[in-house]
Amino acid sequence: MKLLKSVFSINTGNFYGGKIVSASVNPTYTISKYITLLGFYEFNRITFGNSPDYTSHIGRLKISSSMNVKLGMNAFVQYNSLSQISLFNFRLRYNPKDGNDLYLVYNEMLNNKGKTDPLLPFSDFRSVTLKYIHTFHIGR
C-alpha cells in the first residue's frame, strides 16, 4: 500500500510593511495502513525596503502510527533556521474504551545557535506530560 504524494506551493505578497516570497513542499509517504511519514520544507524571503533581507528555512519530519484503534503514536521534529531552534515532540495515545484516553507526551526545544556569549544551554525547555481524559454522562 505504499503511496507517495506531495503538495507544492509558491506565495508572494505583503508582510508587515514589507514583501514576502514563500515556497513550500509537503510530501507524504504512506508506508502501510499503520505508518505514515510526513515531510515539510518551507523557504521564506522577506524584504523591508532599505533593511537587510530575512531568509528562513523551516523543515519538519513527522511519523504517525496507529497500531490499532486503541494505540497510536506520533513523533515530530522541526528545525527553523531564522530562530536557530529545533523542536521535538513525541505523543503516545492509549484508548482503553470509548470516552477514555491516556496520553504520554514528551516535548523539547534545542538551541542550535552554536557558540554565543554567554553560552546558551543546549535545551531551552523539556517536558513530560501524562494526561488522562474520562468522559462521563450526568443523568439520562
N, C-alpha and C. Protein backbone atom coordinates (compact mmCIF):
# COMPACT_ATOMS: atom_id res chain seq x y z
N MET A 1 0.82 -1.19 0.00
CA MET A 1 0.00 0.00 0.00
C MET A 1 0.86 1.26 0.00
N LYS A 2 2.06 1.19 -0.46
CA LYS A 2 2.94 2.35 -0.44
C LYS A 2 2.42 3.41 -1.42
N LEU A 3 2.26 4.63 -0.89
CA LEU A 3 1.71 5.73 -1.67
C LEU A 3 2.50 6.99 -1.34
N LEU A 4 2.99 7.66 -2.37
CA LEU A 4 3.72 8.92 -2.20
C LEU A 4 2.93 10.02 -2.88
N LYS A 5 2.66 11.08 -2.13
CA LYS A 5 2.00 12.24 -2.70
C LYS A 5 2.67 13.49 -2.15
N SER A 6 2.51 14.61 -2.85
CA SER A 6 3.15 15.83 -2.41
C SER A 6 2.34 17.04 -2.87
N VAL A 7 2.43 18.10 -2.07
CA VAL A 7 1.79 19.37 -2.40
C VAL A 7 2.90 20.41 -2.49
N PHE A 8 2.90 21.18 -3.58
CA PHE A 8 3.86 22.26 -3.77
C PHE A 8 3.10 23.58 -3.79
N SER A 9 3.70 24.63 -3.22
CA SER A 9 3.05 25.94 -3.28
C SER A 9 4.09 27.05 -3.32
N ILE A 10 3.72 28.13 -3.98
CA ILE A 10 4.53 29.35 -4.03
C ILE A 10 3.58 30.51 -3.76
N ASN A 11 3.95 31.37 -2.81
CA ASN A 11 3.11 32.52 -2.45
C ASN A 11 3.98 33.77 -2.40
N THR A 12 3.36 34.89 -2.71
CA THR A 12 4.03 36.18 -2.60
C THR A 12 3.01 37.21 -2.16
N GLY A 13 3.48 38.26 -1.47
CA GLY A 13 2.55 39.29 -1.04
C GLY A 13 3.16 40.23 -0.03
N ASN A 14 2.31 41.02 0.60
CA ASN A 14 2.74 41.99 1.60
C ASN A 14 2.94 41.28 2.94
N PHE A 15 3.90 41.80 3.72
CA PHE A 15 4.22 41.21 5.01
C PHE A 15 4.65 42.30 5.96
N TYR A 16 3.74 42.79 6.81
CA TYR A 16 4.05 43.81 7.82
C TYR A 16 4.87 44.97 7.26
N GLY A 17 4.42 45.55 6.18
CA GLY A 17 5.10 46.69 5.57
C GLY A 17 6.22 46.30 4.62
N GLY A 18 6.47 45.05 4.45
CA GLY A 18 7.49 44.56 3.53
C GLY A 18 6.87 43.61 2.52
N LYS A 19 7.70 42.83 1.89
CA LYS A 19 7.26 41.85 0.89
C LYS A 19 7.80 40.48 1.28
N ILE A 20 7.03 39.44 0.95
CA ILE A 20 7.45 38.07 1.23
C ILE A 20 7.26 37.21 -0.01
N VAL A 21 8.21 36.33 -0.22
CA VAL A 21 8.10 35.26 -1.21
C VAL A 21 8.32 33.96 -0.45
N SER A 22 7.41 33.04 -0.62
CA SER A 22 7.46 31.79 0.13
C SER A 22 7.22 30.62 -0.81
N ALA A 23 8.00 29.55 -0.64
CA ALA A 23 7.81 28.32 -1.42
C ALA A 23 7.86 27.15 -0.45
N SER A 24 7.00 26.17 -0.68
CA SER A 24 6.99 25.01 0.22
C SER A 24 6.67 23.73 -0.54
N VAL A 25 7.10 22.64 0.06
CA VAL A 25 6.79 21.30 -0.44
C VAL A 25 6.39 20.47 0.77
N ASN A 26 5.37 19.63 0.59
CA ASN A 26 4.82 18.87 1.69
C ASN A 26 4.58 17.42 1.24
N PRO A 27 5.63 16.58 1.21
CA PRO A 27 5.45 15.19 0.79
C PRO A 27 4.87 14.32 1.90
N THR A 28 4.08 13.34 1.50
CA THR A 28 3.50 12.36 2.42
C THR A 28 3.74 10.98 1.84
N TYR A 29 4.28 10.09 2.65
CA TYR A 29 4.55 8.73 2.20
C TYR A 29 3.83 7.77 3.13
N THR A 30 2.85 7.06 2.60
CA THR A 30 2.11 6.07 3.36
C THR A 30 2.84 4.74 3.22
N ILE A 31 3.53 4.35 4.27
CA ILE A 31 4.33 3.13 4.24
C ILE A 31 3.44 1.90 4.31
N SER A 32 2.44 1.94 5.19
CA SER A 32 1.47 0.86 5.33
C SER A 32 0.20 1.47 5.90
N LYS A 33 -0.81 0.64 6.12
CA LYS A 33 -2.04 1.18 6.70
C LYS A 33 -1.83 1.61 8.15
N TYR A 34 -0.69 1.29 8.71
CA TYR A 34 -0.38 1.64 10.10
C TYR A 34 0.61 2.80 10.25
N ILE A 35 1.41 3.07 9.23
CA ILE A 35 2.51 4.05 9.37
C ILE A 35 2.51 5.04 8.21
N THR A 36 2.57 6.33 8.55
CA THR A 36 2.66 7.40 7.57
C THR A 36 3.83 8.31 7.93
N LEU A 37 4.60 8.69 6.94
CA LEU A 37 5.74 9.60 7.10
C LEU A 37 5.40 10.89 6.37
N LEU A 38 5.47 12.02 7.10
CA LEU A 38 5.13 13.32 6.52
C LEU A 38 6.34 14.23 6.59
N GLY A 39 6.63 14.90 5.51
CA GLY A 39 7.72 15.86 5.47
C GLY A 39 7.20 17.24 5.15
N PHE A 40 8.00 18.24 5.40
CA PHE A 40 7.62 19.61 5.08
C PHE A 40 8.89 20.44 4.98
N TYR A 41 8.98 21.26 3.93
CA TYR A 41 10.09 22.21 3.80
C TYR A 41 9.50 23.52 3.29
N GLU A 42 9.90 24.63 3.93
CA GLU A 42 9.43 25.95 3.52
C GLU A 42 10.60 26.91 3.46
N PHE A 43 10.66 27.66 2.38
CA PHE A 43 11.66 28.72 2.20
C PHE A 43 10.92 30.05 2.18
N ASN A 44 11.40 31.01 2.97
CA ASN A 44 10.80 32.36 3.01
C ASN A 44 11.88 33.40 2.79
N ARG A 45 11.58 34.40 1.94
CA ARG A 45 12.46 35.55 1.74
C ARG A 45 11.61 36.79 2.00
N ILE A 46 12.03 37.58 3.03
CA ILE A 46 11.28 38.75 3.44
C ILE A 46 12.15 39.98 3.25
N THR A 47 11.60 41.01 2.61
CA THR A 47 12.33 42.26 2.38
C THR A 47 11.54 43.43 2.96
N PHE A 48 12.30 44.39 3.53
CA PHE A 48 11.71 45.61 4.10
C PHE A 48 12.44 46.83 3.56
N GLY A 49 12.35 47.11 2.31
CA GLY A 49 12.95 48.30 1.73
C GLY A 49 14.46 48.36 1.91
N ASN A 50 14.96 49.33 2.72
CA ASN A 50 16.40 49.53 2.91
C ASN A 50 17.00 48.59 3.96
N SER A 51 16.18 47.88 4.70
CA SER A 51 16.68 46.96 5.73
C SER A 51 17.21 45.68 5.08
N PRO A 52 18.05 44.93 5.81
CA PRO A 52 18.54 43.67 5.26
C PRO A 52 17.40 42.68 5.03
N ASP A 53 17.57 41.82 4.04
CA ASP A 53 16.58 40.77 3.78
C ASP A 53 16.67 39.69 4.85
N TYR A 54 15.56 39.05 5.10
CA TYR A 54 15.50 37.91 6.01
C TYR A 54 15.19 36.67 5.19
N THR A 55 15.93 35.61 5.45
CA THR A 55 15.70 34.33 4.79
C THR A 55 15.53 33.28 5.87
N SER A 56 14.51 32.45 5.71
CA SER A 56 14.32 31.37 6.68
C SER A 56 14.05 30.06 5.96
N HIS A 57 14.51 29.00 6.57
CA HIS A 57 14.25 27.64 6.11
C HIS A 57 13.61 26.91 7.28
N ILE A 58 12.48 26.28 7.02
CA ILE A 58 11.79 25.51 8.05
C ILE A 58 11.62 24.10 7.51
N GLY A 59 12.09 23.14 8.27
CA GLY A 59 11.96 21.74 7.88
C GLY A 59 11.29 20.95 8.98
N ARG A 60 10.37 20.06 8.59
CA ARG A 60 9.67 19.22 9.55
C ARG A 60 9.65 17.78 9.07
N LEU A 61 9.66 16.87 10.02
CA LEU A 61 9.51 15.45 9.72
C LEU A 61 8.62 14.87 10.81
N LYS A 62 7.59 14.14 10.39
CA LYS A 62 6.64 13.55 11.34
C LYS A 62 6.37 12.12 10.93
N ILE A 63 6.33 11.25 11.91
CA ILE A 63 5.92 9.87 11.68
C ILE A 63 4.69 9.62 12.53
N SER A 64 3.67 9.06 11.90
CA SER A 64 2.40 8.79 12.55
C SER A 64 2.12 7.30 12.45
N SER A 65 1.73 6.71 13.56
CA SER A 65 1.46 5.28 13.55
C SER A 65 0.24 4.97 14.39
N SER A 66 -0.62 4.13 13.86
CA SER A 66 -1.77 3.62 14.61
C SER A 66 -1.68 2.11 14.58
N MET A 67 -1.26 1.54 15.70
CA MET A 67 -1.12 0.09 15.76
C MET A 67 -2.49 -0.58 15.61
N ASN A 68 -3.50 0.04 16.25
CA ASN A 68 -4.90 -0.39 16.16
C ASN A 68 -5.75 0.79 16.63
N VAL A 69 -7.06 0.59 16.83
CA VAL A 69 -7.91 1.71 17.24
C VAL A 69 -7.64 2.17 18.67
N LYS A 70 -6.94 1.37 19.44
CA LYS A 70 -6.67 1.71 20.84
C LYS A 70 -5.30 2.33 21.09
N LEU A 71 -4.36 2.13 20.18
CA LEU A 71 -2.98 2.57 20.43
C LEU A 71 -2.43 3.31 19.21
N GLY A 72 -1.94 4.52 19.45
CA GLY A 72 -1.36 5.32 18.37
C GLY A 72 -0.17 6.11 18.87
N MET A 73 0.71 6.52 17.93
CA MET A 73 1.93 7.23 18.27
C MET A 73 2.23 8.25 17.18
N ASN A 74 2.73 9.42 17.59
CA ASN A 74 3.22 10.45 16.68
C ASN A 74 4.57 10.92 17.18
N ALA A 75 5.52 11.11 16.27
CA ALA A 75 6.81 11.69 16.61
C ALA A 75 7.08 12.79 15.59
N PHE A 76 7.61 13.92 16.06
CA PHE A 76 7.71 15.12 15.25
C PHE A 76 9.02 15.83 15.56
N VAL A 77 9.71 16.31 14.53
CA VAL A 77 10.90 17.14 14.70
C VAL A 77 10.80 18.30 13.72
N GLN A 78 11.21 19.49 14.17
CA GLN A 78 11.18 20.68 13.31
C GLN A 78 12.43 21.51 13.54
N TYR A 79 12.96 22.09 12.44
CA TYR A 79 14.10 22.99 12.52
C TYR A 79 13.72 24.31 11.87
N ASN A 80 14.08 25.44 12.52
CA ASN A 80 13.84 26.77 12.00
C ASN A 80 15.18 27.49 11.95
N SER A 81 15.62 27.85 10.73
CA SER A 81 16.95 28.46 10.58
C SER A 81 17.00 29.90 11.09
N LEU A 82 15.89 30.63 11.04
CA LEU A 82 15.89 32.03 11.47
C LEU A 82 16.05 32.14 12.99
N SER A 83 15.30 31.35 13.73
CA SER A 83 15.43 31.37 15.19
C SER A 83 16.48 30.38 15.69
N GLN A 84 16.98 29.55 14.81
CA GLN A 84 18.02 28.56 15.11
C GLN A 84 17.64 27.66 16.29
N ILE A 85 16.44 27.07 16.17
CA ILE A 85 15.99 26.13 17.19
C ILE A 85 15.46 24.86 16.52
N SER A 86 15.50 23.79 17.27
CA SER A 86 14.90 22.52 16.87
C SER A 86 13.86 22.13 17.91
N LEU A 87 12.74 21.63 17.46
CA LEU A 87 11.68 21.19 18.36
C LEU A 87 11.46 19.70 18.18
N PHE A 88 11.27 18.99 19.28
CA PHE A 88 10.97 17.57 19.26
C PHE A 88 9.68 17.34 20.03
N ASN A 89 8.84 16.45 19.52
CA ASN A 89 7.59 16.11 20.18
C ASN A 89 7.32 14.63 19.95
N PHE A 90 6.95 13.93 21.00
CA PHE A 90 6.55 12.53 20.91
C PHE A 90 5.26 12.38 21.70
N ARG A 91 4.26 11.74 21.08
CA ARG A 91 2.97 11.55 21.76
C ARG A 91 2.50 10.12 21.58
N LEU A 92 2.19 9.49 22.70
CA LEU A 92 1.63 8.13 22.71
C LEU A 92 0.22 8.23 23.24
N ARG A 93 -0.73 7.65 22.53
CA ARG A 93 -2.14 7.69 22.94
C ARG A 93 -2.66 6.27 23.12
N TYR A 94 -3.29 6.04 24.27
CA TYR A 94 -3.92 4.75 24.54
C TYR A 94 -5.38 4.99 24.86
N ASN A 95 -6.27 4.28 24.18
CA ASN A 95 -7.71 4.42 24.36
C ASN A 95 -8.28 3.08 24.83
N PRO A 96 -8.36 2.88 26.18
CA PRO A 96 -8.85 1.59 26.68
C PRO A 96 -10.31 1.33 26.34
N LYS A 97 -11.15 2.38 26.29
CA LYS A 97 -12.54 2.25 25.86
C LYS A 97 -13.04 3.62 25.43
N ASP A 98 -14.17 3.65 24.71
CA ASP A 98 -14.71 4.91 24.22
C ASP A 98 -14.91 5.90 25.36
N GLY A 99 -14.46 7.13 25.15
CA GLY A 99 -14.60 8.17 26.16
C GLY A 99 -13.43 8.27 27.12
N ASN A 100 -12.46 7.35 27.02
CA ASN A 100 -11.28 7.38 27.89
C ASN A 100 -10.04 7.42 27.01
N ASP A 101 -9.13 8.33 27.32
CA ASP A 101 -7.86 8.42 26.60
C ASP A 101 -6.74 8.71 27.58
N LEU A 102 -5.63 8.06 27.38
CA LEU A 102 -4.43 8.29 28.17
C LEU A 102 -3.33 8.71 27.21
N TYR A 103 -2.71 9.88 27.48
CA TYR A 103 -1.65 10.42 26.63
C TYR A 103 -0.35 10.52 27.43
N LEU A 104 0.74 10.16 26.79
CA LEU A 104 2.08 10.41 27.31
C LEU A 104 2.77 11.28 26.25
N VAL A 105 3.19 12.49 26.66
CA VAL A 105 3.74 13.47 25.70
C VAL A 105 5.11 13.94 26.19
N TYR A 106 6.07 13.97 25.26
CA TYR A 106 7.41 14.49 25.54
C TYR A 106 7.68 15.64 24.57
N ASN A 107 8.12 16.79 25.07
CA ASN A 107 8.46 17.95 24.26
C ASN A 107 9.85 18.45 24.64
N GLU A 108 10.59 18.92 23.65
CA GLU A 108 11.89 19.54 23.92
C GLU A 108 12.21 20.56 22.84
N MET A 109 12.84 21.67 23.26
CA MET A 109 13.31 22.69 22.32
C MET A 109 14.81 22.85 22.51
N LEU A 110 15.57 22.68 21.43
CA LEU A 110 17.02 22.75 21.49
C LEU A 110 17.53 24.02 20.82
N ASN A 111 18.60 24.59 21.38
CA ASN A 111 19.29 25.73 20.76
C ASN A 111 20.26 25.20 19.72
N ASN A 112 20.28 25.82 18.56
CA ASN A 112 21.23 25.49 17.51
C ASN A 112 22.09 26.70 17.15
N LYS A 113 22.26 27.61 18.09
CA LYS A 113 22.96 28.86 17.81
C LYS A 113 24.47 28.74 17.85
N GLY A 114 24.98 27.59 18.24
CA GLY A 114 26.43 27.43 18.31
C GLY A 114 26.99 28.18 19.50
N LYS A 115 28.21 28.65 19.36
CA LYS A 115 28.87 29.36 20.48
C LYS A 115 28.35 30.79 20.54
N THR A 116 27.84 31.16 21.71
CA THR A 116 27.37 32.52 21.96
C THR A 116 28.00 33.01 23.25
N ASP A 117 27.91 34.29 23.48
CA ASP A 117 28.43 34.85 24.72
C ASP A 117 27.31 35.62 25.39
N PRO A 118 26.73 35.20 26.47
CA PRO A 118 27.09 33.99 27.23
C PRO A 118 26.60 32.74 26.51
N LEU A 119 27.20 31.62 26.85
CA LEU A 119 26.87 30.34 26.25
C LEU A 119 25.44 29.95 26.62
N LEU A 120 24.63 29.66 25.61
CA LEU A 120 23.24 29.26 25.84
C LEU A 120 23.17 27.79 26.23
N PRO A 121 22.16 27.41 27.00
CA PRO A 121 22.01 25.99 27.33
C PRO A 121 21.64 25.19 26.07
N PHE A 122 22.00 23.92 26.06
CA PHE A 122 21.69 23.06 24.92
C PHE A 122 20.18 22.95 24.73
N SER A 123 19.44 22.85 25.83
CA SER A 123 17.99 22.70 25.77
C SER A 123 17.33 23.91 26.43
N ASP A 124 16.38 24.55 25.72
CA ASP A 124 15.64 25.67 26.31
C ASP A 124 14.55 25.18 27.24
N PHE A 125 13.88 24.12 26.87
CA PHE A 125 12.91 23.52 27.77
C PHE A 125 12.68 22.07 27.40
N ARG A 126 12.20 21.33 28.39
CA ARG A 126 11.90 19.91 28.22
C ARG A 126 10.72 19.61 29.14
N SER A 127 9.76 18.85 28.63
CA SER A 127 8.62 18.49 29.47
C SER A 127 8.13 17.09 29.14
N VAL A 128 7.63 16.43 30.17
CA VAL A 128 6.96 15.15 30.03
C VAL A 128 5.59 15.32 30.68
N THR A 129 4.54 15.00 29.94
CA THR A 129 3.19 15.18 30.42
C THR A 129 2.42 13.87 30.33
N LEU A 130 1.70 13.55 31.38
CA LEU A 130 0.81 12.41 31.39
C LEU A 130 -0.60 12.97 31.57
N LYS A 131 -1.50 12.65 30.63
CA LYS A 131 -2.84 13.23 30.65
C LYS A 131 -3.86 12.12 30.49
N TYR A 132 -4.88 12.14 31.35
CA TYR A 132 -5.96 11.16 31.28
C TYR A 132 -7.27 11.90 31.07
N ILE A 133 -8.04 11.46 30.09
CA ILE A 133 -9.34 12.05 29.80
C ILE A 133 -10.42 10.99 30.03
N HIS A 134 -11.42 11.37 30.82
CA HIS A 134 -12.54 10.46 31.08
C HIS A 134 -13.83 11.22 30.80
N THR A 135 -14.63 10.72 29.89
CA THR A 135 -15.92 11.34 29.57
C THR A 135 -16.99 10.62 30.37
N PHE A 136 -17.84 11.40 31.03
CA PHE A 136 -18.93 10.79 31.79
C PHE A 136 -20.21 11.54 31.48
N HIS A 137 -21.34 10.88 31.73
CA HIS A 137 -22.65 11.44 31.46
C HIS A 137 -23.38 11.66 32.78
N ILE A 138 -24.06 12.77 32.86
CA ILE A 138 -24.86 13.08 34.06
C ILE A 138 -26.33 12.93 33.67
N GLY A 139 -27.03 12.13 34.42
CA GLY A 139 -28.46 11.94 34.15
C GLY A 139 -28.70 11.11 32.90
N ARG A 140 -29.93 11.12 32.46
CA ARG A 140 -30.30 10.35 31.28
C ARG A 140 -30.50 11.29 30.17
